Amino acid sequence: MKRNLLTFKLVVGLVWVVCLGIIGVGMLLSGGTHSVALVQAERALAESQEKLAFAQSAGKEDTKQRTLDRLAQTQESLYTFTCPNAAESALIFRIGQMANTLELKKFTSRVPETVPDKTLEKDERLTEGWLAVDFAADFLKTAAFVNALEHHEPVLFVESISLCRSDENPQEATVRMLISYLIQTPEKLRATANADLARQITQ
């Protein structure tokens, strides 16, 4: 009986020793793994910080260049969709030609005595031009004229339009329209504004 009890105690003790050994080895391995992981993480962090510092220093020049490229594209669009100061009278003449092509009746154009408040924010490169036109036409020709204005380059904006149906011809209306467009400032002023803008970007 005593021998069985002793054997039982030895077996239990041996099991505990094995379990404690396994736990100890596991802790050592786990600690080693964590240490390796910690070292790797610290190394990755250091590399990331170096890359970040490099990107920040290189990004300044890259950002400047992208901004300058965007400025050049903006200027190109500006010149494509605006009217040079010296070409304003030619633009008004082309509007008259468009009216003649569509056979709008009694077409007249003039600079309006009063215009709405400026819709353009302060910009040394641009100013607004305004033109009031009157004519008589049916709905289809009026719609075609509006469409031609809005697809024109430089862009022409139809700010307001009013129609008064004719008593003589119910299919025809007297149309009054207010048109606006963007005018480039004189070359010298525009060059100064562009130089100032470029200087601000590169600072």
Protein backbone atom coordinates (compact mmCIF):
# COMPACT_ATOMS: atom_id res chain seq x y z
CA MET A 1 0.00 0.00 0.00
CA LYS A 2 2.78 2.34 0.97
CA ARG A 3 4.63 1.38 -2.16
CA ASN A 4 1.60 2.25 -4.32
CA LEU A 5 1.26 5.61 -2.55
CA LEU A 6 4.94 6.33 -3.09
CA THR A 7 4.68 5.40 -6.75
CA PHE A 8 1.65 7.66 -7.11
CA LYS A 9 3.53 10.58 -5.52
CA LEU A 10 6.52 10.00 -7.78
CA VAL A 11 4.33 9.93 -10.88
CA VAL A 12 2.52 13.13 -9.83
CA GLY A 13 5.82 14.82 -9.04
CA LEU A 14 7.27 13.76 -12.37
CA VAL A 15 4.22 15.11 -14.19
CA TRP A 16 4.60 18.42 -12.38
CA VAL A 17 8.30 18.60 -13.24
CA VAL A 18 7.55 17.91 -16.90
CA CYS A 19 4.76 20.51 -16.93
CA LEU A 20 6.94 23.10 -15.24
CA GLY A 21 9.73 22.34 -17.68
CA ILE A 22 7.41 22.77 -20.64
CA ILE A 23 6.13 26.04 -19.21
CA GLY A 24 9.67 27.26 -18.58
CA VAL A 25 10.82 26.40 -22.08
CA GLY A 26 7.70 28.06 -23.50
CA MET A 27 8.39 31.22 -21.55
CA LEU A 28 11.98 31.29 -22.75
CA LEU A 29 10.93 30.78 -26.35
CA SER A 30 8.14 33.31 -26.00
CA GLY A 31 10.50 35.83 -24.46
CA GLY A 32 12.99 35.26 -27.24
CA THR A 33 10.32 35.65 -29.89
CA HIS A 34 9.07 38.83 -28.29
CA SER A 35 12.61 40.17 -28.10
CA VAL A 36 13.17 39.44 -31.79
CA ALA A 37 9.83 41.01 -32.64
CA LEU A 38 10.69 44.07 -30.54
CA VAL A 39 14.05 44.47 -32.26
CA GLN A 40 12.41 44.12 -35.66
CA ALA A 41 9.76 46.66 -34.74
CA GLU A 42 12.38 49.14 -33.51
CA ARG A 43 14.38 48.65 -36.70
CA ALA A 44 11.28 49.14 -38.85
CA LEU A 45 10.39 52.27 -36.89
CA ALA A 46 13.87 53.71 -37.40
CA GLU A 47 13.70 52.95 -41.13
CA SER A 48 10.25 54.51 -41.35
CA GLN A 49 11.45 57.64 -39.58
CA GLU A 50 14.38 57.92 -41.99
CA LYS A 51 12.06 57.45 -44.98
CA LEU A 52 9.65 60.01 -43.55
CA ALA A 53 12.40 62.57 -43.03
CA PHE A 54 13.68 62.01 -46.56
CA ALA A 55 10.17 62.23 -48.00
CA GLN A 56 9.55 65.45 -46.11
CA SER A 57 12.73 67.07 -47.41
CA ALA A 58 12.23 65.79 -50.96
CA GLY A 59 8.50 66.48 -50.86
CA LYS A 60 9.01 70.19 -50.47
CA GLU A 61 10.60 70.48 -53.90
CA ASP A 62 8.16 67.96 -55.35
CA THR A 63 5.20 69.90 -53.97
CA LYS A 64 6.59 73.15 -55.35
CA GLN A 65 7.02 71.60 -58.78
CA ARG A 66 3.52 70.13 -58.77
CA THR A 67 2.13 73.49 -57.71
CA LEU A 68 4.05 75.29 -60.44
CA ASP A 69 2.82 72.74 -62.99
CA ARG A 70 -0.73 73.27 -61.79
CA LEU A 71 -0.23 77.02 -62.09
CA ALA A 72 0.94 76.60 -65.68
CA GLN A 73 -2.12 74.47 -66.49
CA THR A 74 -4.37 77.03 -64.84
CA GLN A 75 -2.81 79.82 -66.86
CA GLU A 76 -3.27 77.81 -70.06
CA SER A 77 -6.94 77.27 -69.22
CA LEU A 78 -7.21 80.93 -68.31
CA TYR A 79 -5.98 82.02 -71.72
CA THR A 80 -8.15 79.43 -73.50
CA PHE A 81 -11.42 80.39 -71.83
CA THR A 82 -11.01 84.14 -71.47
CA CYS A 83 -10.92 87.02 -73.89
CA PRO A 84 -7.73 89.07 -74.31
CA ASN A 85 -8.29 92.70 -73.41
CA ALA A 86 -7.55 93.87 -76.96
CA ALA A 87 -9.95 91.33 -78.50
CA GLU A 88 -13.14 92.39 -76.70
CA SER A 89 -14.55 94.27 -79.70
CA ALA A 90 -13.83 91.25 -81.93
CA LEU A 91 -15.70 89.03 -79.45
CA ILE A 92 -18.75 91.30 -79.59
CA PHE A 93 -18.57 91.23 -83.39
CA ARG A 94 -18.54 87.40 -83.35
CA ILE A 95 -21.67 87.38 -81.18
CA GLY A 96 -23.36 89.47 -83.88
CA GLN A 97 -22.19 87.00 -86.52
CA MET A 98 -23.69 84.12 -84.53
CA ALA A 99 -26.99 85.99 -84.44
CA ASN A 100 -26.86 86.56 -88.21
CA THR A 101 -26.12 82.87 -88.84
CA LEU A 102 -29.22 81.90 -86.85
CA GLU A 103 -31.22 84.65 -88.61
CA LEU A 104 -32.28 86.34 -85.40
CA LYS A 105 -34.45 89.34 -86.27
CA LYS A 106 -33.88 92.93 -85.12
CA PHE A 107 -30.65 91.95 -83.37
CA THR A 108 -28.96 94.75 -81.43
CA SER A 109 -26.19 94.72 -78.82
CA ARG A 110 -24.96 97.36 -76.40
CA VAL A 111 -23.00 97.77 -73.21
CA PRO A 112 -25.63 97.85 -70.44
CA GLU A 113 -25.96 101.02 -68.38
CA THR A 114 -26.13 99.00 -65.17
CA VAL A 115 -24.80 95.53 -64.43
CA PRO A 116 -25.28 93.15 -61.50
CA ASP A 117 -22.80 93.06 -58.66
CA LYS A 118 -19.53 91.46 -59.69
CA THR A 119 -19.65 87.69 -59.54
CA LEU A 120 -15.88 87.39 -59.86
CA GLU A 121 -13.67 87.46 -56.79
CA LYS A 122 -10.88 89.99 -56.79
CA ASP A 123 -8.33 88.83 -59.35
CA GLU A 124 -5.68 91.01 -60.94
CA ARG A 125 -5.65 88.76 -64.00
CA LEU A 126 -9.34 89.00 -64.88
CA THR A 127 -12.21 91.42 -65.12
CA GLU A 128 -15.82 90.98 -66.25
CA GLY A 129 -17.31 92.19 -69.50
CA TRP A 130 -21.05 92.67 -70.04
CA LEU A 131 -23.24 92.86 -73.13
CA ALA A 132 -27.00 93.34 -73.46
CA VAL A 133 -28.64 91.97 -76.61
CA ASP A 134 -32.16 92.22 -77.98
CA PHE A 135 -33.69 90.27 -80.84
CA ALA A 136 -36.83 88.56 -82.08
CA ALA A 137 -36.95 84.81 -82.70
CA ASP A 138 -38.92 81.65 -82.09
CA PHE A 139 -38.13 79.26 -79.27
CA LEU A 140 -35.89 76.94 -81.30
CA LYS A 141 -33.67 79.75 -82.60
CA THR A 142 -33.48 81.32 -79.15
CA ALA A 143 -32.41 77.98 -77.63
CA ALA A 144 -29.86 77.49 -80.42
CA PHE A 145 -28.40 80.95 -79.75
CA VAL A 146 -28.09 80.28 -76.01
CA ASN A 147 -26.42 76.93 -76.74
CA ALA A 148 -23.97 78.56 -79.17
CA LEU A 149 -23.04 81.21 -76.61
CA GLU A 150 -22.38 78.70 -73.85
CA HIS A 151 -20.23 76.47 -76.09
CA HIS A 152 -18.22 79.35 -77.46
CA GLU A 153 -14.55 79.89 -76.63
CA PRO A 154 -13.95 82.10 -74.80
CA VAL A 155 -16.94 81.08 -72.73
CA LEU A 156 -19.95 83.40 -72.77
CA PHE A 157 -22.32 83.28 -69.80
CA VAL A 158 -26.04 83.96 -70.21
CA GLU A 159 -26.74 85.76 -66.95
CA SER A 160 -30.41 86.56 -67.58
CA ILE A 161 -33.00 86.17 -70.31
CA SER A 162 -36.53 87.50 -70.68
CA LEU A 163 -39.06 86.74 -73.40
CA CYS A 164 -42.12 88.72 -74.40
CA ARG A 165 -44.46 86.95 -76.81
CA SER A 166 -45.26 88.90 -79.96
CA ASP A 167 -48.90 89.84 -80.61
CA GLU A 168 -48.29 89.76 -84.36
CA ASN A 169 -46.69 86.30 -84.39
CA PRO A 170 -47.54 83.98 -81.46
CA GLN A 171 -44.65 81.66 -82.36
CA GLU A 172 -42.13 84.48 -82.05
CA ALA A 173 -40.94 86.39 -79.00
CA THR A 174 -38.96 89.52 -78.30
CA VAL A 175 -35.91 88.39 -76.34
CA ARG A 176 -33.71 90.44 -74.04
CA MET A 177 -30.54 88.82 -72.81
CA LEU A 178 -27.66 89.83 -70.55
CA ILE A 179 -24.33 88.17 -71.39
CA SER A 180 -21.11 88.24 -69.40
CA TYR A 181 -17.59 87.10 -70.25
CA LEU A 182 -14.14 87.15 -68.71
CA ILE A 183 -11.50 89.56 -69.97
CA GLN A 184 -7.78 89.16 -69.39
CA THR A 185 -6.14 92.20 -67.88
CA PRO A 186 -3.50 93.98 -69.97
CA GLU A 187 -0.31 91.95 -70.45
CA LYS A 188 1.84 94.03 -68.11
CA LEU A 189 -0.56 93.77 -65.20
CA ARG A 190 -1.11 90.06 -65.82
CA ALA A 191 2.62 89.37 -65.94
CA THR A 192 3.07 91.17 -62.62
CA ALA A 193 0.26 89.17 -61.04
CA ASN A 194 1.69 85.89 -62.33
CA ALA A 195 5.18 86.75 -61.06
CA ASP A 196 3.79 87.57 -57.62
CA LEU A 197 1.86 84.30 -57.51
CA ALA A 198 4.89 82.26 -58.58
CA ARG A 199 7.03 84.01 -55.96
CA GLN A 200 4.54 83.11 -53.23
CA ILE A 201 4.58 79.45 -54.27
CA THR A 202 8.36 79.11 -54.30
CA GLN A 203 8.85 80.77 -50.92
